[in-house]
Amino acid sequence: MGELTIRHNQLTAEEFILLWETVWGQGPALEQTRLAMEHTLFRVSVFDGDQIVAMARVIGDMGLDYYIKDVIVRPEYQGKGIGRMLIHEILQFVNDHGVDGTNIFVELCAMPDKIPFYEKFGFSANEAQRLRLFHRVNNGGD
């Protein structure tokens, strides 16, 4: 592992897909990923030289709620503190953009084996269940 560099809001759709595929398999479509990058509030990525090794992003309303999405560290870089760096960068972004003196919800979804990692930052589970729907877009477009 060489010298790590943190970059803000430079994560490209291509880099996103590349990292996605190192952990979760087939990535999303390039066009929808480009839209997601354009509309993400904050993107943080970590590079080892020219190679992207980790990323995370935040979506939300900039007032009451921020949602951490797509925290990915390449498997060979896991366990080296990089995930911790990503979460610290995100929480700093939330702090820097939040209304002083208020509480803001910072939420995420985690696989059971990753919950202890997030608990170290103060995240805790509640009784709510995550619901999801994969809606197939069919609008007659190209």
Protein backbone atom coordinates (compact mmCIF):
# COMPACT_ATOMS: atom_id res chain seq x y z
CA MET A 1 0.00 0.00 0.00
CA GLY A 2 1.43 3.33 -1.09
CA GLU A 3 0.45 6.82 -0.07
CA LEU A 4 -3.32 7.22 0.17
CA THR A 5 -5.05 10.32 -1.16
CA ILE A 6 -8.57 11.44 -0.23
CA ARG A 7 -10.59 13.23 -2.90
CA HIS A 8 -13.91 15.01 -2.50
CA ASN A 9 -16.58 15.15 -5.19
CA GLN A 10 -14.35 13.74 -7.92
CA LEU A 11 -15.64 10.16 -7.98
CA THR A 12 -16.66 9.34 -11.55
CA ALA A 13 -19.35 6.95 -12.68
CA GLU A 14 -16.69 4.68 -14.15
CA GLU A 15 -14.75 4.55 -10.87
CA PHE A 16 -17.96 3.93 -8.96
CA ILE A 17 -18.83 0.94 -11.17
CA LEU A 18 -15.29 -0.42 -10.97
CA LEU A 19 -15.37 -0.41 -7.16
CA TRP A 20 -18.94 -1.72 -7.02
CA GLU A 21 -17.90 -4.73 -9.07
CA THR A 22 -14.98 -5.55 -6.72
CA VAL A 23 -17.49 -6.25 -3.93
CA TRP A 24 -21.01 -6.72 -5.28
CA GLY A 25 -20.63 -8.09 -8.81
CA GLN A 26 -22.35 -6.65 -11.89
CA GLY A 27 -22.55 -2.87 -11.53
CA PRO A 28 -25.38 -0.56 -12.46
CA ALA A 29 -25.72 0.99 -15.90
CA LEU A 30 -23.29 3.77 -16.75
CA GLU A 31 -26.01 6.32 -17.57
CA GLN A 32 -27.87 5.82 -14.30
CA THR A 33 -24.58 5.91 -12.39
CA ARG A 34 -23.68 9.23 -14.02
CA LEU A 35 -27.03 10.64 -12.91
CA ALA A 36 -26.44 9.36 -9.39
CA MET A 37 -23.00 11.01 -9.23
CA GLU A 38 -24.44 14.32 -10.47
CA HIS A 39 -27.15 14.29 -7.79
CA THR A 40 -25.10 13.01 -4.86
CA LEU A 41 -24.55 15.62 -2.15
CA PHE A 42 -21.03 14.48 -1.29
CA ARG A 43 -18.67 11.89 -2.73
CA VAL A 44 -15.48 10.82 -1.03
CA SER A 45 -12.94 8.52 -2.63
CA VAL A 46 -9.57 7.15 -1.61
CA PHE A 47 -6.76 6.47 -4.04
CA ASP A 48 -3.55 4.51 -3.70
CA GLY A 49 -1.51 6.32 -6.32
CA ASP A 50 -3.72 6.33 -9.42
CA GLN A 51 -5.86 3.38 -8.32
CA ILE A 52 -9.20 3.98 -6.63
CA VAL A 53 -9.45 1.76 -3.55
CA ALA A 54 -12.47 3.07 -1.65
CA MET A 55 -15.52 5.29 -1.90
CA ALA A 56 -18.66 6.42 -0.13
CA ARG A 57 -21.34 8.92 -0.92
CA VAL A 58 -24.08 10.88 0.81
CA ILE A 59 -27.57 11.71 -0.37
CA GLY A 60 -30.05 13.83 1.53
CA ASP A 61 -31.81 17.14 1.95
CA MET A 62 -29.00 19.24 3.53
CA GLY A 63 -31.25 20.04 6.49
CA LEU A 64 -32.81 17.21 8.42
CA ASP A 65 -31.48 14.03 6.92
CA TYR A 66 -28.34 12.62 5.33
CA TYR A 67 -28.08 9.05 4.10
CA ILE A 68 -24.75 7.29 3.65
CA LYS A 69 -24.68 5.09 0.55
CA ASP A 70 -22.30 2.73 -1.17
CA VAL A 71 -19.43 2.52 1.31
CA ILE A 72 -16.97 0.28 -0.51
CA VAL A 73 -13.35 -0.59 0.24
CA ARG A 74 -11.56 -2.95 -2.14
CA PRO A 75 -11.22 -6.31 -0.35
CA GLU A 76 -7.41 -6.20 -0.33
CA TYR A 77 -7.52 -2.78 1.40
CA GLN A 78 -10.05 -3.69 4.09
CA GLY A 79 -8.92 -3.71 7.71
CA LYS A 80 -6.45 -0.86 7.17
CA GLY A 81 -8.53 2.04 8.53
CA ILE A 82 -9.78 3.25 5.15
CA GLY A 83 -13.45 2.72 5.98
CA ARG A 84 -12.92 4.76 9.13
CA MET A 85 -11.41 7.54 7.00
CA LEU A 86 -14.47 7.54 4.73
CA ILE A 87 -16.93 7.81 7.62
CA HIS A 88 -14.90 10.58 9.28
CA GLU A 89 -14.91 12.55 6.01
CA ILE A 90 -18.68 12.12 5.69
CA LEU A 91 -19.40 13.15 9.27
CA GLN A 92 -17.16 16.19 8.80
CA PHE A 93 -19.17 17.12 5.68
CA VAL A 94 -22.43 16.81 7.62
CA ASN A 95 -21.02 18.91 10.45
CA ASP A 96 -19.70 21.59 8.08
CA HIS A 97 -23.03 21.91 6.26
CA GLY A 98 -25.50 21.44 9.09
CA VAL A 99 -27.36 24.17 10.97
CA ASP A 100 -25.36 25.01 14.09
CA GLY A 101 -26.92 23.75 17.32
CA THR A 102 -29.33 21.29 15.66
CA ASN A 103 -29.50 17.51 15.48
CA ILE A 104 -29.40 15.85 12.07
CA PHE A 105 -30.29 12.28 11.21
CA VAL A 106 -27.39 10.46 9.58
CA GLU A 107 -28.61 7.08 8.42
CA LEU A 108 -27.32 4.07 6.56
CA CYS A 109 -28.09 0.46 5.86
CA ALA A 110 -25.50 -2.15 6.81
CA MET A 111 -25.11 -5.87 6.47
CA PRO A 112 -25.17 -7.60 9.87
CA ASP A 113 -21.44 -8.33 9.85
CA LYS A 114 -20.68 -4.61 9.28
CA ILE A 115 -22.89 -3.28 12.11
CA PRO A 116 -20.09 -3.40 14.76
CA PHE A 117 -17.96 -1.18 12.51
CA TYR A 118 -20.65 1.51 12.35
CA GLU A 119 -21.48 1.21 16.05
CA LYS A 120 -17.95 2.47 16.78
CA PHE A 121 -19.06 5.83 15.34
CA GLY A 122 -22.26 5.95 17.41
CA PHE A 123 -24.67 4.48 14.88
CA SER A 124 -27.35 2.27 16.41
CA ALA A 125 -30.14 0.14 15.00
CA ASN A 126 -33.79 0.86 15.64
CA GLU A 127 -36.92 -1.23 15.25
CA ALA A 128 -37.65 0.02 11.72
CA GLN A 129 -37.32 -2.47 8.90
CA ARG A 130 -35.73 -1.52 5.62
CA LEU A 131 -38.18 -1.88 2.76
CA ARG A 132 -37.16 -1.76 -0.85
CA LEU A 133 -38.59 -2.04 -4.30
CA PHE A 134 -36.56 -2.44 -7.46
CA HIS A 135 -38.75 -0.59 -9.91
CA ARG A 136 -38.11 -1.48 -13.55
CA VAL A 137 -38.13 1.71 -15.62
CA ASN A 138 -40.13 1.41 -18.82
CA ASN A 139 -40.91 4.87 -20.11
CA GLY A 140 -40.52 4.29 -23.82
CA GLY A 141 -37.10 5.99 -23.86
CA ASP A 142 -34.22 5.07 -26.10
